[in-house]
Every structure is written in structure tokens, then in C-alpha cells.
Amino acid sequence: MRKSKIVGILGGMGPYATVSFYQMLLELTPAAKDWDHLRVIIDVNPHIPSRSRHHLFGEASPVAGMIDSCRRLEAYPVDFIVVPCNSASHFLPQVRAAVKVPILNIMQITSDALPGMFPGVRRVAVIGAVVTYDNRTYEPYLKQHGIEYIHHPARIQRQVEQLIELIKINAPKEQAVAKFQSIVHAVHNECGVGAVILGCTEFGCLGSVATEVPVLDSGRELARAALRMAME
């Protein structure tokens, strides 16, 4: 049996996205037997305050809840923590200051992966929830690679947020997939980008969706990074 690090997953934001992320981690692991898979501890805490409502209405911050879950994972103990939620990752600086084990940053990881996946792409849009959109959270990470972040129109963003809510309530997949394809093509055509980052892990619940536009799934890139770190 291979010796690997223990992975901690801070989940529940949202629950279906957490399931999708773990499924990706399993699929990416080169396992011939059960025991070839990683040891993973998942804290699914859907009661962490809404990241969007905190941003929009000044309601309770998610930071205290995130710190509590990370400390529980840390005490297990785990070797590092992943947070399969782009909105929550906006608050990582505060969380990291209160936790000793490393916490991976989904935005940094995805931005770092993009040049290798799509060489030559210099203009990128990110579709995600309101925290990611309003704060342009990917912009500084993409800039490190000389990639221009393109901010899509608010009209399209409203459609993105409606789609995320559909996925969160486990709406019929066909309905969500059709809306997803429409949004990705609208962003590509109106913004003139070379690729679209899926900056919300809820999109992973849709599975592999055919699109003519190059897309990079942040949840899958986080799973790849977690696997690499666990096996180091």
C-alpha cells in the first residue's frame, strides 16, 4: 500500500458540489484496488453562512464557520485542506491565519493550470457566483501569467447566478446543461475570449458537457492539485 498524505475537504458549500468534487478526486486517482485511493476526511457543513448573502446584504460572515471546520479537520489530523468552493476561497487569507495546516487556493491552482491547458490563450472570462464576479477574484492570479481577465456583462451574470441556483437544488440536468451551454457561448461571443474558467464548483455537477468553447473546470483542477500534493 502506498503511503500518501491525508486530505481534508471543507465541504458543504454546497453539498452537491462537495460530492462532485470527491467523485472527481476518485476518478483522477490511478487506483486498481480500493486501497489505492487516498485517505480523505470530509467535513460537510452546509450551515456555514452564505458567502453571497454576506457579500450582498452584510449578513453573517462565513469566516468563523470555515475556521471551525478547518480546525476540526486539522485535529483529525489531515495534512492539508482543500475548499471546493470559489466564493469561500475569497476568504482564505483570514482562514489561513487561524489554521496551521496548508489550505490550497482553487483560484491560484486553476489560473496556474490554464497556460498549460490552453497555450496561447490571452483573454479569459470566469463564470461564477456573485462573490467571484463582483470581486474579480481570478484577475490577480491570471495577471501573473500575462492573461487578461475579461469581465462579462451583468446581464449574463444574472443568468449565471440563476443557473448556479438550479444546480444547487438538483434541478433536472437537461435543463441546467442547456442553460450552461447558452451562457458559455454568450460569454465567448460577446467578450471575445479564448477560454472560459468555470469559477464555481457547482458546474462540476453537470459532468462533462460538450461545448465548442474551451473551458477549464476549477473543481477538477483543484482535485488534480490535491492528488499531486497527497502523493508527494
C-alpha atoms as a PDB file:
ATOM      1  CA  MET A   1       0.000   0.000   0.000  1.00  0.00           C
ATOM      2  CA  ARG A   2       1.284   3.429  -0.948  1.00  0.00           C
ATOM      3  CA  LYS A   3       1.861   5.972   1.771  1.00  0.00           C
ATOM      4  CA  SER A   4       0.052   9.211   0.981  1.00  0.00           C
ATOM      5  CA  LYS A   5      -0.933  12.351   2.818  1.00  0.00           C
ATOM      6  CA  ILE A   6      -4.383  12.603   4.390  1.00  0.00           C
ATOM      7  CA  VAL A   7      -6.603  15.044   2.513  1.00  0.00           C
ATOM      8  CA  GLY A   8      -9.082  17.244   4.352  1.00  0.00           C
ATOM      9  CA  ILE A   9     -12.061  18.605   2.430  1.00  0.00           C
ATOM     10  CA  LEU A  10     -14.016  21.547   3.775  1.00  0.00           C
ATOM     11  CA  GLY A  11     -17.350  20.791   2.138  1.00  0.00           C
ATOM     12  CA  GLY A  12     -20.996  21.771   2.262  1.00  0.00           C
ATOM     13  CA  MET A  13     -20.650  24.887   0.111  1.00  0.00           C
ATOM     14  CA  GLY A  14     -22.707  23.413  -1.435  1.00  0.00           C
ATOM     15  CA  PRO A  15     -23.333  19.749  -0.633  1.00  0.00           C
ATOM     16  CA  TYR A  16     -23.756  18.582  -4.238  1.00  0.00           C
ATOM     17  CA  ALA A  17     -20.572  20.401  -5.247  1.00  0.00           C
ATOM     18  CA  THR A  18     -18.743  18.524  -2.496  1.00  0.00           C
ATOM     19  CA  VAL A  19     -19.987  15.175  -3.811  1.00  0.00           C
ATOM     20  CA  SER A  20     -18.973  16.161  -7.341  1.00  0.00           C
ATOM     21  CA  PHE A  21     -15.504  17.185  -6.180  1.00  0.00           C
ATOM     22  CA  TYR A  22     -14.905  13.919  -4.341  1.00  0.00           C
ATOM     23  CA  GLN A  23     -16.099  11.985  -7.399  1.00  0.00           C
ATOM     24  CA  MET A  24     -13.531  13.847  -9.497  1.00  0.00           C
ATOM     25  CA  LEU A  25     -10.807  13.025  -6.977  1.00  0.00           C
ATOM     26  CA  LEU A  26     -11.718   9.342  -7.158  1.00  0.00           C
ATOM     27  CA  GLU A  27     -11.770   9.326 -10.956  1.00  0.00           C
ATOM     28  CA  LEU A  28      -8.400  11.053 -11.228  1.00  0.00           C
ATOM     29  CA  THR A  29      -6.687   8.676  -8.807  1.00  0.00           C
ATOM     30  CA  PRO A  30      -4.854   5.846 -10.636  1.00  0.00           C
ATOM     31  CA  ALA A  31      -6.341   3.107  -8.461  1.00  0.00           C
ATOM     32  CA  ALA A  32      -6.549  -0.591  -9.313  1.00  0.00           C
ATOM     33  CA  LYS A  33      -7.917  -1.513  -5.865  1.00  0.00           C
ATOM     34  CA  ASP A  34      -9.860   0.247  -3.112  1.00  0.00           C
ATOM     35  CA  TRP A  35      -6.711   0.668  -1.072  1.00  0.00           C
ATOM     36  CA  ASP A  36      -5.019   2.610  -3.858  1.00  0.00           C
ATOM     37  CA  HIS A  37      -7.292   5.565  -3.174  1.00  0.00           C
ATOM     38  CA  LEU A  38      -6.407   8.449  -0.878  1.00  0.00           C
ATOM     39  CA  ARG A  39      -7.462   8.710   2.727  1.00  0.00           C
ATOM     40  CA  VAL A  40      -9.880  11.628   2.798  1.00  0.00           C
ATOM     41  CA  ILE A  41     -11.688  13.336   5.664  1.00  0.00           C
ATOM     42  CA  ILE A  42     -14.698  15.403   4.576  1.00  0.00           C
ATOM     43  CA  ASP A  43     -16.472  17.927   6.804  1.00  0.00           C
ATOM     44  CA  VAL A  44     -19.753  18.742   5.068  1.00  0.00           C
ATOM     45  CA  ASN A  45     -21.030  21.850   6.818  1.00  0.00           C
ATOM     46  CA  PRO A  46     -23.889  23.443   4.854  1.00  0.00           C
ATOM     47  CA  HIS A  47     -24.609  25.703   7.843  1.00  0.00           C
ATOM     48  CA  ILE A  48     -21.621  27.947   7.199  1.00  0.00           C
ATOM     49  CA  PRO A  49     -23.213  31.349   6.461  1.00  0.00           C
ATOM     50  CA  SER A  50     -23.856  32.158   2.821  1.00  0.00           C
ATOM     51  CA  ARG A  51     -20.901  33.776   1.119  1.00  0.00           C
ATOM     52  CA  SER A  52     -23.208  35.559  -1.330  1.00  0.00           C
ATOM     53  CA  ARG A  53     -25.577  36.921   1.309  1.00  0.00           C
ATOM     54  CA  HIS A  54     -22.652  38.163   3.377  1.00  0.00           C
ATOM     55  CA  HIS A  55     -21.347  39.984   0.304  1.00  0.00           C
ATOM     56  CA  LEU A  56     -24.702  41.360  -0.862  1.00  0.00           C
ATOM     57  CA  PHE A  57     -26.513  42.142   2.379  1.00  0.00           C
ATOM     58  CA  GLY A  58     -23.860  42.278   5.087  1.00  0.00           C
ATOM     59  CA  GLU A  59     -25.204  39.153   6.784  1.00  0.00           C
ATOM     60  CA  ALA A  60     -23.008  36.859   8.912  1.00  0.00           C
ATOM     61  CA  SER A  61     -19.519  36.185   7.594  1.00  0.00           C
ATOM     62  CA  PRO A  62     -18.590  32.619   6.648  1.00  0.00           C
ATOM     63  CA  VAL A  63     -15.104  33.016   8.133  1.00  0.00           C
ATOM     64  CA  ALA A  64     -15.840  31.750  11.668  1.00  0.00           C
ATOM     65  CA  GLY A  65     -17.613  28.669  10.327  1.00  0.00           C
ATOM     66  CA  MET A  66     -14.819  27.946   7.878  1.00  0.00           C
ATOM     67  CA  ILE A  67     -12.216  28.261  10.632  1.00  0.00           C
ATOM     68  CA  ASP A  68     -14.196  25.927  12.896  1.00  0.00           C
ATOM     69  CA  SER A  69     -14.416  23.243  10.204  1.00  0.00           C
ATOM     70  CA  CYS A  70     -10.752  23.627   9.261  1.00  0.00           C
ATOM     71  CA  ARG A  71      -9.677  23.275  12.896  1.00  0.00           C
ATOM     72  CA  ARG A  72     -11.738  20.095  13.209  1.00  0.00           C
ATOM     73  CA  LEU A  73     -10.025  18.711  10.111  1.00  0.00           C
ATOM     74  CA  GLU A  74      -6.671  19.859  11.441  1.00  0.00           C
ATOM     75  CA  ALA A  75      -7.285  17.986  14.702  1.00  0.00           C
ATOM     76  CA  TYR A  76      -8.138  14.731  12.919  1.00  0.00           C
ATOM     77  CA  PRO A  77      -5.325  15.273  11.732  1.00  0.00           C
ATOM     78  CA  VAL A  78      -5.140  15.956   7.999  1.00  0.00           C
ATOM     79  CA  ASP A  79      -2.007  17.036   6.153  1.00  0.00           C
ATOM     80  CA  PHE A  80      -3.673  19.736   4.084  1.00  0.00           C
ATOM     81  CA  ILE A  81      -7.132  21.094   3.303  1.00  0.00           C
ATOM     82  CA  VAL A  82      -8.963  21.816   0.069  1.00  0.00           C
ATOM     83  CA  VAL A  83     -12.020  24.051  -0.212  1.00  0.00           C
ATOM     84  CA  PRO A  84     -14.091  23.162  -3.289  1.00  0.00           C
ATOM     85  CA  CYS A  85     -15.907  26.499  -3.316  1.00  0.00           C
ATOM     86  CA  ASN A  86     -14.671  29.530  -5.223  1.00  0.00           C
ATOM     87  CA  SER A  87     -16.752  32.020  -3.220  1.00  0.00           C
ATOM     88  CA  ALA A  88     -15.460  30.688   0.095  1.00  0.00           C
ATOM     89  CA  SER A  89     -11.902  30.826  -1.191  1.00  0.00           C
ATOM     90  CA  HIS A  90     -12.177  34.621  -1.367  1.00  0.00           C
ATOM     91  CA  PHE A  91     -11.967  34.499   2.456  1.00  0.00           C
ATOM     92  CA  LEU A  92      -8.922  32.229   2.627  1.00  0.00           C
ATOM     93  CA  PRO A  93      -6.457  34.862   3.915  1.00  0.00           C
ATOM     94  CA  GLN A  94      -8.467  35.187   7.145  1.00  0.00           C
ATOM     95  CA  VAL A  95      -8.939  31.431   7.470  1.00  0.00           C
ATOM     96  CA  ARG A  96      -5.306  30.584   6.791  1.00  0.00           C
ATOM     97  CA  ALA A  97      -4.214  32.962   9.559  1.00  0.00           C
ATOM     98  CA  ALA A  98      -6.127  30.831  12.091  1.00  0.00           C
ATOM     99  CA  VAL A  99      -5.147  27.357  10.840  1.00  0.00           C
ATOM    100  CA  LYS A 100      -1.755  25.646  10.861  1.00  0.00           C
ATOM    101  CA  VAL A 101      -2.116  23.107   8.039  1.00  0.00           C
ATOM    102  CA  PRO A 102      -1.827  24.288   4.414  1.00  0.00           C
ATOM    103  CA  ILE A 103      -5.051  25.240   2.612  1.00  0.00           C
ATOM    104  CA  LEU A 104      -4.974  25.103  -1.188  1.00  0.00           C
ATOM    105  CA  ASN A 105      -6.293  28.038  -3.203  1.00  0.00           C
ATOM    106  CA  ILE A 106      -8.584  26.964  -6.042  1.00  0.00           C
ATOM    107  CA  MET A 107      -8.192  30.277  -7.897  1.00  0.00           C
ATOM    108  CA  GLN A 108      -4.401  30.161  -7.886  1.00  0.00           C
ATOM    109  CA  ILE A 109      -4.354  26.500  -8.902  1.00  0.00           C
ATOM    110  CA  THR A 110      -6.788  26.975 -11.789  1.00  0.00           C
ATOM    111  CA  SER A 111      -5.012  30.079 -13.096  1.00  0.00           C
ATOM    112  CA  ASP A 112      -1.664  28.271 -12.927  1.00  0.00           C
ATOM    113  CA  ALA A 113      -3.097  25.350 -14.912  1.00  0.00           C
ATOM    114  CA  LEU A 114      -4.582  27.430 -17.709  1.00  0.00           C
ATOM    115  CA  PRO A 115      -1.421  28.201 -19.752  1.00  0.00           C
ATOM    116  CA  GLY A 116      -0.572  24.505 -19.929  1.00  0.00           C
ATOM    117  CA  MET A 117      -4.101  23.511 -20.893  1.00  0.00           C
ATOM    118  CA  PHE A 118      -4.661  26.257 -23.465  1.00  0.00           C
ATOM    119  CA  PRO A 119      -1.319  27.639 -24.682  1.00  0.00           C
ATOM    120  CA  GLY A 120      -1.658  30.955 -26.465  1.00  0.00           C
ATOM    121  CA  VAL A 121      -4.909  31.991 -24.783  1.00  0.00           C
ATOM    122  CA  ARG A 122      -4.535  35.575 -23.566  1.00  0.00           C
ATOM    123  CA  ARG A 123      -8.116  36.644 -22.823  1.00  0.00           C
ATOM    124  CA  VAL A 124     -10.211  34.687 -20.324  1.00  0.00           C
ATOM    125  CA  ALA A 125     -13.629  35.097 -18.713  1.00  0.00           C
ATOM    126  CA  VAL A 126     -14.725  33.488 -15.453  1.00  0.00           C
ATOM    127  CA  ILE A 127     -18.288  32.398 -14.744  1.00  0.00           C
ATOM    128  CA  GLY A 128     -19.077  32.018 -11.072  1.00  0.00           C
ATOM    129  CA  ALA A 129     -21.211  33.287  -8.210  1.00  0.00           C
ATOM    130  CA  VAL A 130     -21.604  36.936  -7.224  1.00  0.00           C
ATOM    131  CA  VAL A 131     -18.621  36.983  -4.809  1.00  0.00           C
ATOM    132  CA  THR A 132     -16.307  35.771  -7.571  1.00  0.00           C
ATOM    133  CA  TYR A 133     -17.850  38.120 -10.139  1.00  0.00           C
ATOM    134  CA  ASP A 134     -18.023  41.333  -8.122  1.00  0.00           C
ATOM    135  CA  ASN A 135     -14.564  40.942  -6.594  1.00  0.00           C
ATOM    136  CA  ARG A 136     -12.934  39.779  -9.840  1.00  0.00           C
ATOM    137  CA  THR A 137     -11.172  37.210  -7.688  1.00  0.00           C
ATOM    138  CA  TYR A 138      -9.347  35.490 -10.564  1.00  0.00           C
ATOM    139  CA  GLU A 139      -7.905  38.666 -12.045  1.00  0.00           C
ATOM    140  CA  PRO A 140      -4.665  38.913  -9.996  1.00  0.00           C
ATOM    141  CA  TYR A 141      -3.866  35.216 -10.462  1.00  0.00           C
ATOM    142  CA  LEU A 142      -4.404  35.334 -14.229  1.00  0.00           C
ATOM    143  CA  LYS A 143      -2.337  38.509 -14.449  1.00  0.00           C
ATOM    144  CA  GLN A 144       0.650  36.589 -13.070  1.00  0.00           C
ATOM    145  CA  HIS A 145       0.630  34.614 -16.334  1.00  0.00           C
ATOM    146  CA  GLY A 146       0.091  37.603 -18.604  1.00  0.00           C
ATOM    147  CA  ILE A 147      -3.547  36.615 -19.165  1.00  0.00           C
ATOM    148  CA  GLU A 148      -6.190  39.323 -19.372  1.00  0.00           C
ATOM    149  CA  TYR A 149      -9.290  38.841 -17.248  1.00  0.00           C
ATOM    150  CA  ILE A 150     -12.432  39.868 -19.143  1.00  0.00           C
ATOM    151  CA  HIS A 151     -15.428  40.916 -17.043  1.00  0.00           C
ATOM    152  CA  HIS A 152     -18.632  39.744 -18.733  1.00  0.00           C
ATOM    153  CA  PRO A 153     -21.808  41.898 -18.673  1.00  0.00           C
ATOM    154  CA  ALA A 154     -24.097  41.974 -15.632  1.00  0.00           C
ATOM    155  CA  ARG A 155     -26.924  40.711 -17.840  1.00  0.00           C
ATOM    156  CA  ILE A 156     -25.062  37.453 -18.403  1.00  0.00           C
ATOM    157  CA  GLN A 157     -24.037  37.293 -14.749  1.00  0.00           C
ATOM    158  CA  ARG A 158     -27.682  37.201 -13.688  1.00  0.00           C
ATOM    159  CA  GLN A 159     -28.123  34.132 -15.886  1.00  0.00           C
ATOM    160  CA  VAL A 160     -25.024  32.534 -14.341  1.00  0.00           C
ATOM    161  CA  GLU A 161     -26.386  33.018 -10.825  1.00  0.00           C
ATOM    162  CA  GLN A 162     -29.773  31.600 -11.814  1.00  0.00           C
ATOM    163  CA  LEU A 163     -28.026  28.532 -13.233  1.00  0.00           C
ATOM    164  CA  ILE A 164     -25.982  28.021 -10.067  1.00  0.00           C
ATOM    165  CA  GLU A 165     -29.168  28.074  -8.001  1.00  0.00           C
ATOM    166  CA  LEU A 166     -30.752  25.497 -10.338  1.00  0.00           C
ATOM    167  CA  ILE A 167     -27.809  23.172  -9.820  1.00  0.00           C
ATOM    168  CA  LYS A 168     -27.865  23.700  -6.055  1.00  0.00           C
ATOM    169  CA  ILE A 169     -31.454  22.445  -5.841  1.00  0.00           C
ATOM    170  CA  ASN A 170     -30.611  19.468  -8.075  1.00  0.00           C
ATOM    171  CA  ALA A 171     -32.877  20.611 -10.916  1.00  0.00           C
ATOM    172  CA  PRO A 172     -33.268  18.339 -13.974  1.00  0.00           C
ATOM    173  CA  LYS A 173     -29.841  18.015 -15.554  1.00  0.00           C
ATOM    174  CA  GLU A 174     -31.039  18.565 -19.129  1.00  0.00           C
ATOM    175  CA  GLN A 175     -32.445  21.976 -18.187  1.00  0.00           C
ATOM    176  CA  ALA A 176     -29.235  23.029 -16.451  1.00  0.00           C
ATOM    177  CA  VAL A 177     -26.963  21.756 -19.238  1.00  0.00           C
ATOM    178  CA  ALA A 178     -28.859  23.686 -21.918  1.00  0.00           C
ATOM    179  CA  LYS A 179     -28.624  26.892 -19.872  1.00  0.00           C
ATOM    180  CA  PHE A 180     -24.926  26.272 -19.206  1.00  0.00           C
ATOM    181  CA  GLN A 181     -24.127  25.844 -22.900  1.00  0.00           C
ATOM    182  CA  SER A 182     -26.040  29.005 -23.747  1.00  0.00           C
ATOM    183  CA  ILE A 183     -24.143  31.032 -21.139  1.00  0.00           C
ATOM    184  CA  VAL A 184     -20.702  29.768 -22.154  1.00  0.00           C
ATOM    185  CA  HIS A 185     -21.344  30.575 -25.808  1.00  0.00           C
ATOM    186  CA  ALA A 186     -22.736  34.027 -24.934  1.00  0.00           C
ATOM    187  CA  VAL A 187     -19.636  34.858 -22.892  1.00  0.00           C
ATOM    188  CA  HIS A 188     -17.360  33.622 -25.656  1.00  0.00           C
ATOM    189  CA  ASN A 189     -19.140  35.503 -28.433  1.00  0.00           C
ATOM    190  CA  GLU A 190     -19.770  38.782 -26.616  1.00  0.00           C
ATOM    191  CA  CYS A 191     -16.456  39.063 -24.791  1.00  0.00           C
ATOM    192  CA  GLY A 192     -14.121  37.655 -27.413  1.00  0.00           C
ATOM    193  CA  VAL A 193     -12.271  35.371 -25.014  1.00  0.00           C
ATOM    194  CA  GLY A 194     -10.145  32.359 -25.850  1.00  0.00           C
ATOM    195  CA  ALA A 195     -11.355  30.281 -22.901  1.00  0.00           C
ATOM    196  CA  VAL A 196     -13.857  30.307 -20.048  1.00  0.00           C
ATOM    197  CA  ILE A 197     -13.000  29.292 -16.493  1.00  0.00           C
ATOM    198  CA  LEU A 198     -15.780  27.544 -14.592  1.00  0.00           C
ATOM    199  CA  GLY A 199     -15.308  29.514 -11.398  1.00  0.00           C
ATOM    200  CA  CYS A 200     -17.977  27.721  -9.400  1.00  0.00           C
ATOM    201  CA  THR A 201     -17.673  24.098  -8.310  1.00  0.00           C
ATOM    202  CA  GLU A 202     -21.423  23.601  -8.760  1.00  0.00           C
ATOM    203  CA  PHE A 203     -20.744  23.321 -12.502  1.00  0.00           C
ATOM    204  CA  GLY A 204     -18.920  20.068 -11.826  1.00  0.00           C
ATOM    205  CA  CYS A 205     -22.291  18.516 -11.011  1.00  0.00           C
ATOM    206  CA  LEU A 206     -23.192  18.737 -14.701  1.00  0.00           C
ATOM    207  CA  GLY A 207     -20.453  16.293 -15.648  1.00  0.00           C
ATOM    208  CA  SER A 208     -18.695  16.549 -18.987  1.00  0.00           C
ATOM    209  CA  VAL A 209     -20.663  18.952 -21.161  1.00  0.00           C
ATOM    210  CA  ALA A 210     -19.826  19.312 -24.860  1.00  0.00           C
ATOM    211  CA  THR A 211     -19.061  22.862 -25.919  1.00  0.00           C
ATOM    212  CA  GLU A 212     -17.118  24.401 -28.787  1.00  0.00           C
ATOM    213  CA  VAL A 213     -15.619  26.897 -26.335  1.00  0.00           C
ATOM    214  CA  PRO A 214     -12.509  25.802 -24.376  1.00  0.00           C
ATOM    215  CA  VAL A 215     -13.480  25.572 -20.697  1.00  0.00           C
ATOM    216  CA  LEU A 216     -11.403  24.921 -17.602  1.00  0.00           C
ATOM    217  CA  ASP A 217     -13.207  23.437 -14.589  1.00  0.00           C
ATOM    218  CA  SER A 218     -11.807  24.869 -11.338  1.00  0.00           C
ATOM    219  CA  GLY A 219     -13.116  21.926  -9.312  1.00  0.00           C
ATOM    220  CA  ARG A 220     -11.298  19.383 -11.467  1.00  0.00           C
ATOM    221  CA  GLU A 221      -8.075  21.405 -11.328  1.00  0.00           C
ATOM    222  CA  LEU A 222      -8.320  21.534  -7.529  1.00  0.00           C
ATOM    223  CA  ALA A 223      -8.798  17.754  -7.472  1.00  0.00           C
ATOM    224  CA  ARG A 224      -5.707  17.299  -9.660  1.00  0.00           C
ATOM    225  CA  ALA A 225      -3.672  19.517  -7.328  1.00  0.00           C
ATOM    226  CA  ALA A 226      -4.929  17.672  -4.241  1.00  0.00           C
ATOM    227  CA  LEU A 227      -3.932  14.330  -5.762  1.00  0.00           C
ATOM    228  CA  ARG A 228      -0.468  15.603  -6.641  1.00  0.00           C
ATOM    229  CA  MET A 229       0.087  17.020  -3.166  1.00  0.00           C
ATOM    230  CA  ALA A 230      -1.191  13.880  -1.465  1.00  0.00           C
ATOM    231  CA  MET A 231       1.157  11.660  -3.439  1.00  0.00           C
ATOM    232  CA  GLU A 232       4.282  13.802  -2.975  1.00  0.00           C
END
